[in-house]
């Protein structure tokens, strides 16, 4: 049987918890951010120079806003980037089509395909091009879905050509009981203005021989799950068949 002091403590705790619950339920939600308010954005990149030689020197600024619903009374999720390019007195602005889909916290401005025009690489996985006052971003062509690997970009052969690391998942229902188990197979991709991202994995056999296969062998030897051990074995066989054909020329590709 509880003593009076214990009862008082119990009542006090219940009261505190009830008050916290009431505050959580009735706490007024913050209004949605005004995307036209400069104070809502955080600057992540500032650039002064040439993006497209036809435009001359420009000033470029890249911003991010990252707000998740349920955090500190915020009832609105907003994930967005903004690119501003100023030429003389004119400023061109780009934002993602969707305000809840993607928000990169970093940006590189580099020439990806050697055509003399720099691109905006956001989060290593989305490419926005800009030329003569117009932005271009096509989700089907200019976006990667890498989640397992650092996407880069990397200069694998030290020749100025930049390569990204994407991933595909390898499942095998014939040997693995749990179909939710898989291993990520790295796919190497390069970007061009005409085609967006294209798979160039077969051009880099050394990357798979010197980096991916040893890493898969290490993971397999330390893995205690029999299903995943089989998947790593399948992954090594898949990589060998797909990317290490004897008909492929040797490459100097190094691991990133």
Protein backbone atom coordinates (compact mmCIF):
# COMPACT_ATOMS: atom_id res chain seq x y z
CA UNK A 1 0.00 0.00 0.00
CA UNK A 2 1.41 3.40 -1.02
CA UNK A 3 2.42 5.83 1.69
CA UNK A 4 0.97 9.38 1.55
CA UNK A 5 4.27 10.79 0.23
CA UNK A 6 4.38 8.20 -2.51
CA UNK A 7 0.77 8.98 -3.41
CA UNK A 8 1.57 12.68 -3.67
CA UNK A 9 4.55 11.97 -5.92
CA UNK A 10 2.39 9.74 -8.10
CA UNK A 11 -0.32 12.41 -8.38
CA UNK A 12 2.32 15.04 -9.18
CA UNK A 13 3.87 12.88 -11.94
CA UNK A 14 0.45 12.18 -13.46
CA UNK A 15 -0.31 15.90 -13.39
CA UNK A 16 2.97 16.79 -15.10
CA UNK A 17 2.49 14.15 -17.79
CA UNK A 18 -1.09 15.27 -18.36
CA UNK A 19 0.07 18.86 -18.71
CA UNK A 20 2.75 17.86 -21.20
CA UNK A 21 0.20 15.92 -23.21
CA UNK A 22 -2.21 18.86 -23.24
CA UNK A 23 0.59 21.20 -24.39
CA UNK A 24 1.58 18.77 -27.13
CA UNK A 25 -2.01 18.45 -28.35
CA UNK A 26 -3.00 22.08 -28.09
CA UNK A 27 0.30 23.73 -28.92
CA UNK A 28 -0.41 26.01 -31.87
CA UNK A 29 1.29 24.88 -35.04
CA UNK A 30 3.64 27.21 -36.79
CA UNK A 31 2.35 28.73 -40.01
CA UNK A 32 3.83 27.37 -43.25
CA UNK A 33 7.07 29.10 -44.22
CA UNK A 34 6.82 31.93 -46.69
CA UNK A 35 9.12 30.84 -49.50
CA UNK A 36 9.25 34.45 -50.72
CA UNK A 37 10.81 35.55 -47.42
CA UNK A 38 14.65 35.54 -47.70
CA UNK A 39 14.92 34.93 -43.94
CA UNK A 40 13.41 31.45 -44.36
CA UNK A 41 16.33 30.26 -46.51
CA UNK A 42 19.87 29.21 -45.57
CA UNK A 43 22.67 29.99 -48.01
CA UNK A 44 24.77 26.91 -48.85
CA UNK A 45 26.73 28.08 -51.92
CA UNK A 46 27.91 31.38 -53.35
CA UNK A 47 29.60 31.55 -56.76
CA UNK A 48 30.97 34.35 -58.91
CA UNK A 49 32.31 33.53 -62.35
CA UNK A 50 31.26 31.91 -65.60
CA UNK A 51 28.61 29.20 -65.80
CA UNK A 52 27.84 29.45 -69.52
CA UNK A 53 30.43 31.46 -71.53
CA UNK A 54 27.55 32.95 -73.55
CA UNK A 55 26.27 34.66 -70.39
CA UNK A 56 29.58 36.09 -69.22
CA UNK A 57 30.28 36.39 -65.52
CA UNK A 58 27.35 35.86 -63.18
CA UNK A 59 26.63 35.66 -59.48
CA UNK A 60 24.99 32.44 -58.30
CA UNK A 61 23.55 31.68 -54.88
CA UNK A 62 22.10 28.35 -53.73
CA UNK A 63 19.82 28.06 -50.70
CA UNK A 64 18.06 25.32 -48.75
CA UNK A 65 15.01 25.15 -46.52
CA UNK A 66 14.46 21.97 -44.48
CA UNK A 67 11.47 21.82 -42.14
CA UNK A 68 9.79 18.61 -41.00
CA UNK A 69 6.26 18.43 -39.65
CA UNK A 70 5.91 17.61 -35.96
CA UNK A 71 9.19 19.31 -35.00
CA UNK A 72 8.81 22.16 -32.50
CA UNK A 73 5.17 22.62 -33.32
CA UNK A 74 5.80 22.82 -37.05
CA UNK A 75 2.84 21.28 -38.86
CA UNK A 76 4.28 21.63 -42.34
CA UNK A 77 7.01 19.66 -44.09
CA UNK A 78 8.99 21.77 -46.53
CA UNK A 79 12.01 20.39 -48.39
CA UNK A 80 13.28 22.75 -51.04
CA UNK A 81 16.30 24.31 -52.70
CA UNK A 82 16.51 27.61 -54.50
CA UNK A 83 19.05 28.68 -57.11
CA UNK A 84 19.46 32.34 -58.02
CA UNK A 85 21.62 33.42 -60.96
CA UNK A 86 22.09 37.15 -61.45
CA UNK A 87 23.25 38.61 -64.77
CA UNK A 88 23.45 42.38 -64.63
CA UNK A 89 20.11 43.53 -63.26
CA UNK A 90 18.23 40.31 -64.07
CA UNK A 91 17.93 37.41 -61.63
CA UNK A 92 16.71 33.96 -62.70
CA UNK A 93 15.31 31.67 -60.01
CA UNK A 94 14.88 27.89 -59.87
CA UNK A 95 13.08 25.68 -57.32
CA UNK A 96 12.12 22.00 -57.32
CA UNK A 97 8.61 21.26 -58.65
CA UNK A 98 7.67 19.65 -55.30
CA UNK A 99 8.14 21.35 -51.90
CA UNK A 100 8.25 18.07 -49.95
CA UNK A 101 10.53 15.87 -52.00
CA UNK A 102 14.20 16.87 -51.77
CA UNK A 103 16.46 19.37 -49.99
CA UNK A 104 20.21 19.21 -50.59
CA UNK A 105 22.50 20.66 -47.96
CA UNK A 106 25.45 21.03 -50.31
CA UNK A 107 26.07 22.07 -53.90
CA UNK A 108 28.95 21.90 -56.37
CA UNK A 109 29.11 23.98 -59.53
CA UNK A 110 31.24 22.03 -62.04
CA UNK A 111 31.42 21.13 -65.72
CA UNK A 112 30.28 17.50 -65.76
CA UNK A 113 30.52 16.66 -69.45
CA UNK A 114 33.38 18.82 -70.71
CA UNK A 115 31.25 21.12 -72.87
CA UNK A 116 32.50 24.27 -71.15
CA UNK A 117 29.25 24.89 -69.25
CA UNK A 118 29.08 24.32 -65.51
CA UNK A 119 26.19 22.48 -63.86
CA UNK A 120 24.72 22.69 -60.37
CA UNK A 121 25.16 19.34 -58.57
CA UNK A 122 22.95 19.26 -55.48
CA UNK A 123 23.49 16.61 -52.84
CA UNK A 124 25.54 14.62 -55.34
CA UNK A 125 22.35 13.21 -56.82
CA UNK A 126 20.52 15.94 -58.76
CA UNK A 127 21.86 18.01 -61.64
CA UNK A 128 20.42 21.37 -62.70
CA UNK A 129 21.79 22.98 -65.85
CA UNK A 130 21.65 26.68 -66.67
CA UNK A 131 22.26 28.39 -70.00
CA UNK A 132 21.30 31.77 -71.42
CA UNK A 133 18.78 32.55 -68.71
CA UNK A 134 17.06 29.16 -68.58
CA UNK A 135 17.27 26.36 -66.01
CA UNK A 136 16.70 22.72 -66.87
CA UNK A 137 15.97 19.76 -64.62
CA UNK A 138 14.31 16.56 -65.84
CA UNK A 139 13.66 14.05 -63.01
CA UNK A 140 13.83 11.01 -65.31
CA UNK A 141 17.27 12.04 -66.63
CA UNK A 142 18.95 14.30 -64.09
CA UNK A 143 18.41 12.46 -60.81
CA UNK A 144 20.02 9.52 -59.03
CA UNK A 145 18.49 7.45 -56.25
CA UNK A 146 21.69 6.45 -54.49
CA UNK A 147 21.23 5.80 -50.81
CA UNK A 148 23.94 3.31 -49.94
CA UNK A 149 27.01 4.96 -51.41
CA UNK A 150 28.53 8.42 -51.48
CA UNK A 151 27.34 9.51 -54.95
CA UNK A 152 30.34 11.74 -55.64
CA UNK A 153 31.06 12.86 -58.26
CA UNK A 154 34.55 11.33 -58.46
CA UNK A 155 37.34 11.64 -61.00
CA UNK A 156 38.06 7.90 -61.07
CA UNK A 157 40.71 7.97 -63.79
CA UNK A 158 42.18 11.37 -62.94
CA UNK A 159 41.35 12.62 -66.43
CA UNK A 160 38.78 15.31 -65.55
CA UNK A 161 35.75 13.13 -66.37
CA UNK A 162 33.45 12.97 -63.36
CA UNK A 163 31.60 9.79 -62.41
CA UNK A 164 28.74 9.23 -59.95
CA UNK A 165 28.01 6.14 -57.86
CA UNK A 166 24.39 5.02 -57.96
CA UNK A 167 23.01 1.73 -56.61
CA UNK A 168 20.66 -1.08 -57.55
CA UNK A 169 19.43 -3.71 -55.10
CA UNK A 170 20.03 -7.40 -55.67
CA UNK A 171 17.26 -9.73 -54.48
CA UNK A 172 17.12 -13.48 -54.97
CA UNK A 173 13.85 -15.16 -54.00
CA UNK A 174 15.14 -18.60 -54.96
CA UNK A 175 17.74 -18.72 -52.18
CA UNK A 176 16.61 -16.05 -49.73
CA UNK A 177 13.54 -16.67 -47.59
CA UNK A 178 12.99 -13.03 -46.68
CA UNK A 179 12.41 -11.04 -49.87
CA UNK A 180 13.03 -7.82 -47.97
CA UNK A 181 16.72 -8.70 -47.74
CA UNK A 182 19.06 -7.44 -50.44
CA UNK A 183 22.55 -6.13 -51.13
CA UNK A 184 23.30 -2.87 -52.97
CA UNK A 185 25.23 -3.18 -56.23
CA UNK A 186 27.09 0.04 -57.15
CA UNK A 187 26.39 1.36 -60.66
CA UNK A 188 28.72 3.96 -62.11
CA UNK A 189 27.08 6.74 -64.09
CA UNK A 190 28.12 9.85 -65.97
CA UNK A 191 26.03 12.87 -66.90
CA UNK A 192 25.77 14.68 -70.22
CA UNK A 193 23.51 17.53 -71.26
CA UNK A 194 22.02 15.47 -74.09
CA UNK A 195 21.23 12.25 -72.20
CA UNK A 196 21.37 13.06 -68.50
CA UNK A 197 22.72 10.15 -66.44
CA UNK A 198 23.86 7.06 -68.34
CA UNK A 199 25.33 3.83 -66.99
CA UNK A 200 29.07 3.45 -67.67
CA UNK A 201 29.78 0.64 -65.20
CA UNK A 202 31.35 -1.63 -67.82
CA UNK A 203 33.98 1.01 -68.54
CA UNK A 204 35.45 0.67 -65.04
CA UNK A 205 36.28 -3.01 -64.35
CA UNK A 206 39.16 -2.03 -62.07
CA UNK A 207 36.74 -0.20 -59.78
CA UNK A 208 34.83 -3.45 -59.21
CA UNK A 209 37.90 -5.69 -58.99
CA UNK A 210 39.86 -3.47 -56.61
CA UNK A 211 37.06 -1.96 -54.58
CA UNK A 212 33.61 -3.55 -54.77
CA UNK A 213 34.44 -7.28 -54.82
CA UNK A 214 36.95 -7.07 -51.92
CA UNK A 215 34.36 -5.06 -49.94
CA UNK A 216 31.65 -7.66 -50.66
CA UNK A 217 34.00 -10.48 -49.61
CA UNK A 218 34.74 -8.65 -46.38
CA UNK A 219 31.04 -8.09 -45.70
CA UNK A 220 30.25 -11.73 -46.47
CA UNK A 221 32.90 -13.05 -44.08
CA UNK A 222 31.63 -10.86 -41.23
CA UNK A 223 27.92 -11.41 -41.93
CA UNK A 224 26.13 -13.84 -39.60
CA UNK A 225 22.88 -13.94 -41.56
CA UNK A 226 22.97 -16.90 -43.94
CA UNK A 227 20.61 -15.25 -46.41
CA UNK A 228 22.80 -12.17 -46.69
CA UNK A 229 25.91 -14.33 -47.06
CA UNK A 230 24.26 -15.95 -50.08
CA UNK A 231 23.29 -12.55 -51.46
CA UNK A 232 26.87 -11.27 -51.23
CA UNK A 233 28.00 -14.40 -53.07
CA UNK A 234 25.34 -13.77 -55.72
CA UNK A 235 26.42 -10.14 -55.87
CA UNK A 236 30.04 -11.05 -56.57
CA UNK A 237 28.93 -13.43 -59.32
CA UNK A 238 26.64 -10.76 -60.80
CA UNK A 239 29.40 -8.15 -60.81
CA UNK A 240 31.83 -10.59 -62.39
CA UNK A 241 29.39 -11.47 -65.16
CA UNK A 242 28.17 -7.93 -65.83
CA UNK A 243 31.28 -5.81 -65.48
CA UNK A 244 34.37 -8.00 -65.64
CA UNK A 245 33.96 -9.60 -69.04
CA UNK A 246 37.26 -10.51 -70.70
CA UNK A 247 36.11 -8.51 -73.71
CA UNK A 248 36.14 -5.26 -71.72
CA UNK A 249 39.27 -3.10 -72.01
CA UNK A 250 41.40 -2.55 -68.93
CA UNK A 251 40.78 0.62 -66.96
CA UNK A 252 42.76 2.70 -64.54
CA UNK A 253 39.73 3.47 -62.42
CA UNK A 254 40.52 3.91 -58.73
CA UNK A 255 38.19 3.64 -55.79
CA UNK A 256 36.73 6.97 -54.62
